[in-house]
């Protein structure tokens, strides 16, 4: 499976959607986890790649943009200066660096409201004060 996800990562870095489709399906279907480990996605534009059920472990996503979908998992990854403007995503992050996050009034890290809302969670992550305030106002869990 690692070889498949590495080829998927290569197609994303090349911004090659048809190769991405060919590499991913039928090996990994919608709703199944796509696990990336030790991959470099610095500066990548994920606009054409829906990232639901993507798992990033020990990856570098600094300066990436258009990360969207639900859920997306980040562990021990650098996600600095990422552009989340206009994005809707549910993120589960642990031990990551999200400093310098870009967002706007359309950025949403929570779906629904009340007890049934799906909320993003940032556990033991580095966040700058402004981002921490923005996430808190949305009702995102920050530990």
N, C-alpha and C. Protein backbone atom coordinates (compact mmCIF):
# COMPACT_ATOMS: atom_id res chain seq x y z
N UNK A 1 0.82 -1.21 0.00
CA UNK A 1 0.00 0.00 0.00
C UNK A 1 0.86 1.26 0.00
N UNK A 2 2.04 1.21 0.65
CA UNK A 2 2.90 2.38 0.69
C UNK A 2 3.31 2.82 -0.71
N UNK A 3 3.58 1.85 -1.58
CA UNK A 3 3.98 2.17 -2.94
C UNK A 3 2.84 2.88 -3.68
N UNK A 4 1.61 2.43 -3.47
CA UNK A 4 0.45 3.07 -4.09
C UNK A 4 0.32 4.50 -3.61
N UNK A 5 0.41 4.72 -2.30
CA UNK A 5 0.24 6.08 -1.79
C UNK A 5 1.39 6.97 -2.23
N UNK A 6 2.58 6.43 -2.39
CA UNK A 6 3.69 7.24 -2.90
C UNK A 6 3.41 7.66 -4.34
N UNK A 7 2.87 6.75 -5.15
CA UNK A 7 2.51 7.10 -6.53
C UNK A 7 1.37 8.12 -6.57
N UNK A 8 0.43 7.99 -5.64
CA UNK A 8 -0.65 8.99 -5.54
C UNK A 8 -0.05 10.35 -5.18
N UNK A 9 0.87 10.37 -4.22
CA UNK A 9 1.54 11.61 -3.83
C UNK A 9 2.28 12.23 -5.01
N UNK A 10 2.96 11.39 -5.80
CA UNK A 10 3.67 11.89 -6.98
C UNK A 10 2.70 12.55 -7.96
N UNK A 11 1.54 11.93 -8.17
CA UNK A 11 0.57 12.50 -9.12
C UNK A 11 0.00 13.81 -8.59
N UNK A 12 -0.17 13.93 -7.28
CA UNK A 12 -0.65 15.20 -6.69
C UNK A 12 0.43 16.27 -6.87
N UNK A 13 1.67 15.93 -6.59
CA UNK A 13 2.76 16.91 -6.76
C UNK A 13 2.87 17.37 -8.21
N UNK A 14 2.57 16.48 -9.15
CA UNK A 14 2.62 16.83 -10.58
C UNK A 14 1.33 17.53 -11.03
N UNK A 15 0.35 17.64 -10.12
CA UNK A 15 -0.95 18.23 -10.43
C UNK A 15 -1.61 17.49 -11.60
N UNK A 16 -1.48 16.17 -11.58
CA UNK A 16 -1.95 15.30 -12.67
C UNK A 16 -3.15 14.50 -12.18
N UNK A 17 -4.34 15.03 -12.42
CA UNK A 17 -5.56 14.42 -11.91
C UNK A 17 -5.84 13.05 -12.53
N UNK A 18 -5.60 12.90 -13.84
CA UNK A 18 -5.90 11.61 -14.47
C UNK A 18 -4.99 10.50 -13.92
N UNK A 19 -3.73 10.79 -13.69
CA UNK A 19 -2.84 9.79 -13.08
C UNK A 19 -3.26 9.53 -11.65
N UNK A 20 -3.65 10.57 -10.93
CA UNK A 20 -4.15 10.41 -9.56
C UNK A 20 -5.32 9.41 -9.55
N UNK A 21 -6.29 9.61 -10.44
CA UNK A 21 -7.45 8.73 -10.52
C UNK A 21 -7.03 7.29 -10.82
N UNK A 22 -6.13 7.13 -11.76
CA UNK A 22 -5.66 5.81 -12.17
C UNK A 22 -4.92 5.10 -11.04
N UNK A 23 -4.10 5.84 -10.29
CA UNK A 23 -3.32 5.26 -9.18
C UNK A 23 -4.22 4.93 -7.98
N UNK A 24 -5.18 5.81 -7.72
CA UNK A 24 -5.99 5.63 -6.51
C UNK A 24 -7.04 4.54 -6.66
N UNK A 25 -7.75 4.55 -7.77
CA UNK A 25 -8.88 3.62 -7.94
C UNK A 25 -8.49 2.48 -8.84
N UNK A 26 -8.91 1.26 -8.60
CA UNK A 26 -9.81 0.84 -7.53
C UNK A 26 -9.09 0.49 -6.22
N UNK A 27 -7.78 0.69 -6.14
CA UNK A 27 -7.01 0.27 -4.95
C UNK A 27 -7.55 0.88 -3.66
N UNK A 28 -7.86 2.18 -3.70
CA UNK A 28 -8.36 2.87 -2.51
C UNK A 28 -9.64 3.60 -2.89
N UNK A 29 -10.76 3.14 -2.39
CA UNK A 29 -12.07 3.70 -2.74
C UNK A 29 -12.41 4.92 -1.89
N UNK A 30 -13.44 5.66 -2.31
CA UNK A 30 -13.95 6.77 -1.50
C UNK A 30 -14.33 6.22 -0.14
N UNK A 31 -14.02 6.97 0.90
CA UNK A 31 -14.35 6.55 2.25
C UNK A 31 -13.29 5.67 2.89
N UNK A 32 -12.29 5.27 2.11
CA UNK A 32 -11.16 4.53 2.65
C UNK A 32 -10.00 5.49 2.86
N UNK A 33 -9.17 5.21 3.86
CA UNK A 33 -8.06 6.10 4.18
C UNK A 33 -6.96 6.02 3.12
N UNK A 34 -6.45 7.21 2.77
CA UNK A 34 -5.28 7.33 1.92
C UNK A 34 -4.18 7.86 2.85
N UNK A 35 -3.20 7.02 3.18
CA UNK A 35 -2.19 7.35 4.20
C UNK A 35 -0.87 7.75 3.56
N UNK A 36 -0.48 9.00 3.83
CA UNK A 36 0.81 9.50 3.35
C UNK A 36 1.76 9.59 4.54
N UNK A 37 2.94 9.03 4.40
CA UNK A 37 3.96 9.08 5.44
C UNK A 37 5.24 9.62 4.85
N UNK A 38 5.82 10.63 5.52
CA UNK A 38 7.11 11.21 5.11
C UNK A 38 7.08 11.77 3.69
N UNK A 39 5.96 12.35 3.29
CA UNK A 39 5.85 12.94 1.95
C UNK A 39 6.01 14.46 2.03
N UNK A 40 6.53 15.03 0.96
CA UNK A 40 6.75 16.47 0.87
C UNK A 40 5.70 17.07 -0.08
N UNK A 41 4.78 17.84 0.50
CA UNK A 41 3.74 18.51 -0.28
C UNK A 41 3.89 20.03 -0.17
N UNK A 42 5.09 20.53 0.07
CA UNK A 42 5.30 21.98 0.20
C UNK A 42 4.83 22.70 -1.05
N UNK A 43 4.01 23.74 -0.85
CA UNK A 43 3.58 24.60 -1.93
C UNK A 43 2.58 23.98 -2.90
N UNK A 44 2.05 22.81 -2.59
CA UNK A 44 1.14 22.11 -3.51
C UNK A 44 -0.26 22.74 -3.46
N UNK A 45 -0.88 22.87 -4.61
CA UNK A 45 -2.27 23.31 -4.72
C UNK A 45 -3.13 22.05 -4.87
N UNK A 46 -3.92 21.77 -3.82
CA UNK A 46 -4.74 20.56 -3.80
C UNK A 46 -6.13 20.78 -4.41
N UNK A 47 -6.33 21.88 -5.12
CA UNK A 47 -7.66 22.29 -5.56
C UNK A 47 -8.47 21.18 -6.22
N UNK A 48 -7.87 20.37 -7.08
CA UNK A 48 -8.66 19.36 -7.81
C UNK A 48 -8.68 18.00 -7.10
N UNK A 49 -8.07 17.92 -5.92
CA UNK A 49 -8.01 16.65 -5.20
C UNK A 49 -8.81 16.73 -3.91
N UNK A 50 -10.00 16.16 -3.88
CA UNK A 50 -10.80 16.13 -2.65
C UNK A 50 -10.04 15.27 -1.65
N UNK A 51 -9.83 15.80 -0.45
CA UNK A 51 -8.91 15.18 0.49
C UNK A 51 -9.58 14.45 1.65
N UNK A 52 -10.87 14.17 1.54
CA UNK A 52 -11.53 13.42 2.60
C UNK A 52 -10.86 12.07 2.82
N UNK A 53 -10.62 11.75 4.09
CA UNK A 53 -9.97 10.50 4.50
C UNK A 53 -8.49 10.45 4.12
N UNK A 54 -7.88 11.61 3.86
CA UNK A 54 -6.44 11.67 3.68
C UNK A 54 -5.80 11.72 5.06
N UNK A 55 -4.73 10.97 5.24
CA UNK A 55 -3.97 10.94 6.49
C UNK A 55 -2.54 11.34 6.16
N UNK A 56 -2.06 12.39 6.83
CA UNK A 56 -0.69 12.86 6.64
C UNK A 56 0.09 12.63 7.92
N UNK A 57 1.11 11.79 7.86
CA UNK A 57 1.94 11.54 9.03
C UNK A 57 3.38 11.90 8.69
N UNK A 58 3.92 12.80 9.51
CA UNK A 58 5.30 13.26 9.33
C UNK A 58 5.50 13.81 7.91
N UNK A 59 4.53 14.60 7.44
CA UNK A 59 4.59 15.19 6.11
C UNK A 59 4.84 16.70 6.23
N UNK A 60 5.31 17.28 5.14
CA UNK A 60 5.49 18.72 5.07
C UNK A 60 4.48 19.26 4.06
N UNK A 61 3.57 20.11 4.57
CA UNK A 61 2.56 20.75 3.71
C UNK A 61 2.70 22.27 3.77
N UNK A 62 3.86 22.77 4.16
CA UNK A 62 4.06 24.21 4.27
C UNK A 62 3.70 24.90 2.96
N UNK A 63 2.97 26.01 3.08
CA UNK A 63 2.58 26.86 1.95
C UNK A 63 1.65 26.18 0.94
N UNK A 64 1.03 25.06 1.33
CA UNK A 64 0.06 24.41 0.44
C UNK A 64 -1.24 25.22 0.45
N UNK A 65 -2.11 24.94 -0.50
CA UNK A 65 -3.40 25.63 -0.52
C UNK A 65 -4.49 24.71 -1.02
N UNK A 66 -5.72 25.13 -0.73
CA UNK A 66 -6.94 24.40 -1.10
C UNK A 66 -7.00 23.01 -0.49
N UNK A 67 -6.60 22.91 0.77
CA UNK A 67 -6.76 21.66 1.51
C UNK A 67 -8.20 21.64 2.00
N UNK A 68 -9.00 20.71 1.51
CA UNK A 68 -10.41 20.68 1.90
C UNK A 68 -10.94 19.26 1.89
N UNK A 69 -12.02 19.05 2.62
CA UNK A 69 -12.65 17.74 2.70
C UNK A 69 -12.89 17.36 4.15
N UNK A 70 -13.44 16.18 4.33
CA UNK A 70 -13.67 15.72 5.71
C UNK A 70 -13.67 14.22 5.76
N UNK A 71 -13.12 13.67 6.77
CA UNK A 71 -12.13 14.30 7.64
C UNK A 71 -10.74 14.20 7.02
N UNK A 72 -9.85 15.10 7.44
CA UNK A 72 -8.45 15.07 7.04
C UNK A 72 -7.65 14.96 8.34
N UNK A 73 -6.68 14.07 8.35
CA UNK A 73 -5.89 13.81 9.55
C UNK A 73 -4.44 14.22 9.34
N UNK A 74 -3.89 14.93 10.33
CA UNK A 74 -2.50 15.33 10.31
C UNK A 74 -1.86 14.90 11.63
N UNK A 75 -0.72 14.23 11.56
CA UNK A 75 0.03 13.85 12.75
C UNK A 75 1.50 14.16 12.52
N UNK A 76 2.12 14.83 13.49
CA UNK A 76 3.56 15.12 13.42
C UNK A 76 3.95 15.75 12.08
N UNK A 77 3.13 16.67 11.60
CA UNK A 77 3.38 17.28 10.29
C UNK A 77 3.55 18.79 10.40
N UNK A 78 4.24 19.36 9.44
CA UNK A 78 4.39 20.80 9.34
C UNK A 78 3.37 21.30 8.33
N UNK A 79 2.50 22.18 8.79
CA UNK A 79 1.41 22.70 7.96
C UNK A 79 1.44 24.23 8.08
N UNK A 80 2.63 24.79 8.00
CA UNK A 80 2.83 26.22 8.21
C UNK A 80 2.43 27.03 6.98
N UNK A 81 1.86 28.21 7.25
CA UNK A 81 1.49 29.17 6.21
C UNK A 81 0.55 28.57 5.15
N UNK A 82 -0.27 27.60 5.56
CA UNK A 82 -1.19 26.97 4.62
C UNK A 82 -2.37 27.91 4.37
N UNK A 83 -2.82 27.95 3.14
CA UNK A 83 -3.92 28.83 2.73
C UNK A 83 -5.24 28.06 2.79
N UNK A 84 -6.01 28.35 3.84
CA UNK A 84 -7.34 27.75 4.01
C UNK A 84 -8.45 28.73 3.63
N UNK A 85 -8.13 29.81 2.90
CA UNK A 85 -9.16 30.79 2.54
C UNK A 85 -10.22 30.14 1.65
N UNK A 86 -11.49 30.33 2.03
CA UNK A 86 -12.61 29.79 1.27
C UNK A 86 -12.83 28.30 1.44
N UNK A 87 -12.11 27.68 2.37
CA UNK A 87 -12.12 26.23 2.53
C UNK A 87 -13.10 25.79 3.61
N UNK A 88 -13.71 24.64 3.37
CA UNK A 88 -14.52 23.96 4.39
C UNK A 88 -13.87 22.61 4.63
N UNK A 89 -13.49 22.34 5.88
CA UNK A 89 -12.78 21.10 6.18
C UNK A 89 -13.01 20.70 7.63
N UNK A 90 -12.98 19.41 7.86
CA UNK A 90 -12.94 18.88 9.22
C UNK A 90 -11.54 18.27 9.37
N UNK A 91 -10.79 18.82 10.31
CA UNK A 91 -9.40 18.44 10.50
C UNK A 91 -9.21 17.81 11.87
N UNK A 92 -8.52 16.70 11.89
CA UNK A 92 -8.06 16.07 13.14
C UNK A 92 -6.54 16.20 13.10
N UNK A 93 -5.98 17.04 13.97
CA UNK A 93 -4.55 17.26 13.95
C UNK A 93 -3.95 17.01 15.32
N UNK A 94 -2.79 16.37 15.32
CA UNK A 94 -2.08 16.11 16.58
C UNK A 94 -0.59 16.35 16.37
N UNK A 95 -0.01 17.14 17.27
CA UNK A 95 1.43 17.39 17.27
C UNK A 95 1.91 17.98 15.95
N UNK A 96 1.18 18.98 15.44
CA UNK A 96 1.52 19.61 14.17
C UNK A 96 1.78 21.10 14.37
N UNK A 97 2.40 21.72 13.38
CA UNK A 97 2.67 23.15 13.40
C UNK A 97 1.80 23.81 12.34
N UNK A 98 0.80 24.57 12.81
CA UNK A 98 -0.13 25.28 11.92
C UNK A 98 0.08 26.79 11.97
N UNK A 99 1.25 27.26 12.43
CA UNK A 99 1.46 28.70 12.52
C UNK A 99 1.44 29.34 11.14
N UNK A 100 0.90 30.56 11.09
CA UNK A 100 0.83 31.31 9.85
C UNK A 100 -0.34 30.94 8.96
N UNK A 101 -1.32 30.21 9.49
CA UNK A 101 -2.48 29.78 8.72
C UNK A 101 -3.20 30.99 8.13
N UNK A 102 -3.57 30.87 6.85
CA UNK A 102 -4.35 31.93 6.19
C UNK A 102 -5.80 31.46 6.11
N UNK A 103 -6.72 32.35 6.43
CA UNK A 103 -8.14 32.02 6.42
C UNK A 103 -8.93 33.29 6.17
N UNK A 104 -10.22 33.14 5.90
CA UNK A 104 -11.09 34.30 5.71
C UNK A 104 -12.46 33.98 6.29
N UNK A 105 -13.43 34.86 6.04
CA UNK A 105 -14.76 34.69 6.63
C UNK A 105 -15.48 33.45 6.09
N UNK A 106 -15.06 32.92 4.94
CA UNK A 106 -15.67 31.72 4.38
C UNK A 106 -15.06 30.43 4.93
N UNK A 107 -13.91 30.52 5.55
CA UNK A 107 -13.22 29.34 6.07
C UNK A 107 -14.04 28.73 7.20
N UNK A 108 -14.31 27.43 7.10
CA UNK A 108 -15.09 26.74 8.14
C UNK A 108 -14.40 25.44 8.53
N UNK A 109 -14.23 25.29 9.86
CA UNK A 109 -13.64 24.07 10.39
C UNK A 109 -14.63 23.33 11.28
N UNK A 110 -15.92 23.60 11.04
CA UNK A 110 -16.98 22.93 11.79
C UNK A 110 -18.20 22.84 10.87
N UNK A 111 -18.90 21.71 10.89
CA UNK A 111 -20.13 21.54 10.12
C UNK A 111 -21.27 21.34 11.10
N UNK A 112 -22.35 22.03 10.85
CA UNK A 112 -23.52 21.89 11.71
C UNK A 112 -23.38 22.74 12.96
N UNK A 113 -24.32 22.52 13.90
CA UNK A 113 -24.29 23.30 15.13
C UNK A 113 -24.76 22.43 16.29
N UNK A 114 -24.49 22.91 17.48
CA UNK A 114 -24.92 22.19 18.68
C UNK A 114 -24.14 20.91 18.91
N UNK A 115 -24.78 20.00 19.62
CA UNK A 115 -24.10 18.76 20.01
C UNK A 115 -23.77 17.86 18.83
N UNK A 116 -24.53 17.96 17.75
CA UNK A 116 -24.31 17.08 16.60
C UNK A 116 -23.30 17.62 15.60
N UNK A 117 -22.76 18.79 15.86
CA UNK A 117 -21.81 19.39 14.93
C UNK A 117 -20.55 18.54 14.80
N UNK A 118 -20.03 18.47 13.58
CA UNK A 118 -18.73 17.84 13.35
C UNK A 118 -17.69 18.94 13.52
N UNK A 119 -16.79 18.75 14.47
CA UNK A 119 -15.82 19.79 14.82
C UNK A 119 -14.40 19.33 14.52
N UNK A 120 -13.61 20.25 14.02
CA UNK A 120 -12.19 19.98 13.87
C UNK A 120 -11.55 19.97 15.25
N UNK A 121 -10.44 19.21 15.36
CA UNK A 121 -9.72 19.14 16.63
C UNK A 121 -8.23 19.32 16.38
N UNK A 122 -7.63 20.19 17.18
CA UNK A 122 -6.20 20.43 17.12
C UNK A 122 -5.63 20.08 18.49
N UNK A 123 -4.88 18.98 18.56
CA UNK A 123 -4.35 18.49 19.83
C UNK A 123 -2.84 18.69 19.85
N UNK A 124 -2.38 19.46 20.84
CA UNK A 124 -0.95 19.70 21.03
C UNK A 124 -0.31 20.26 19.76
N UNK A 125 -1.01 21.17 19.08
CA UNK A 125 -0.50 21.79 17.86
C UNK A 125 0.00 23.20 18.14
N UNK A 126 0.98 23.63 17.36
CA UNK A 126 1.47 25.00 17.44
C UNK A 126 0.56 25.87 16.59
N UNK A 127 -0.04 26.87 17.24
CA UNK A 127 -0.93 27.82 16.57
C UNK A 127 -0.54 29.22 17.01
N UNK A 128 -0.59 30.18 16.10
CA UNK A 128 -0.37 31.56 16.55
C UNK A 128 -1.65 32.06 17.22
N UNK A 129 -1.55 33.11 18.00
CA UNK A 129 -2.67 33.59 18.82
C UNK A 129 -3.89 33.96 17.98
N UNK A 130 -3.67 34.61 16.85
CA UNK A 130 -4.79 35.04 15.99
C UNK A 130 -5.55 33.82 15.46
N UNK A 131 -4.82 32.81 15.03
CA UNK A 131 -5.45 31.58 14.53
C UNK A 131 -6.19 30.86 15.64
N UNK A 132 -5.57 30.78 16.81
CA UNK A 132 -6.20 30.14 17.96
C UNK A 132 -7.54 30.82 18.26
N UNK A 133 -7.58 32.15 18.24
CA UNK A 133 -8.82 32.90 18.48
C UNK A 133 -9.86 32.59 17.40
N UNK A 134 -9.44 32.58 16.14
CA UNK A 134 -10.34 32.29 15.03
C UNK A 134 -10.97 30.91 15.18
N UNK A 135 -10.15 29.92 15.47
CA UNK A 135 -10.64 28.55 15.63
C UNK A 135 -11.57 28.43 16.84
N UNK A 136 -11.22 29.07 17.93
CA UNK A 136 -12.04 29.03 19.15
C UNK A 136 -13.41 29.63 18.89
N UNK A 137 -13.46 30.74 18.15
CA UNK A 137 -14.74 31.39 17.85
C UNK A 137 -15.65 30.46 17.04
N UNK A 138 -15.07 29.59 16.23
CA UNK A 138 -15.87 28.65 15.44
C UNK A 138 -16.33 27.46 16.28
N UNK A 139 -15.73 27.25 17.42
CA UNK A 139 -16.09 26.10 18.25
C UNK A 139 -15.21 24.88 18.01
N UNK A 140 -14.05 25.12 17.40
CA UNK A 140 -13.09 24.05 17.16
C UNK A 140 -12.48 23.63 18.50
N UNK A 141 -12.23 22.33 18.65
CA UNK A 141 -11.59 21.84 19.88
C UNK A 141 -10.09 22.05 19.77
N UNK A 142 -9.54 22.74 20.79
CA UNK A 142 -8.09 22.98 20.83
C UNK A 142 -7.61 22.52 22.19
N UNK A 143 -6.70 21.56 22.21
CA UNK A 143 -6.12 21.04 23.45
C UNK A 143 -4.61 21.16 23.42
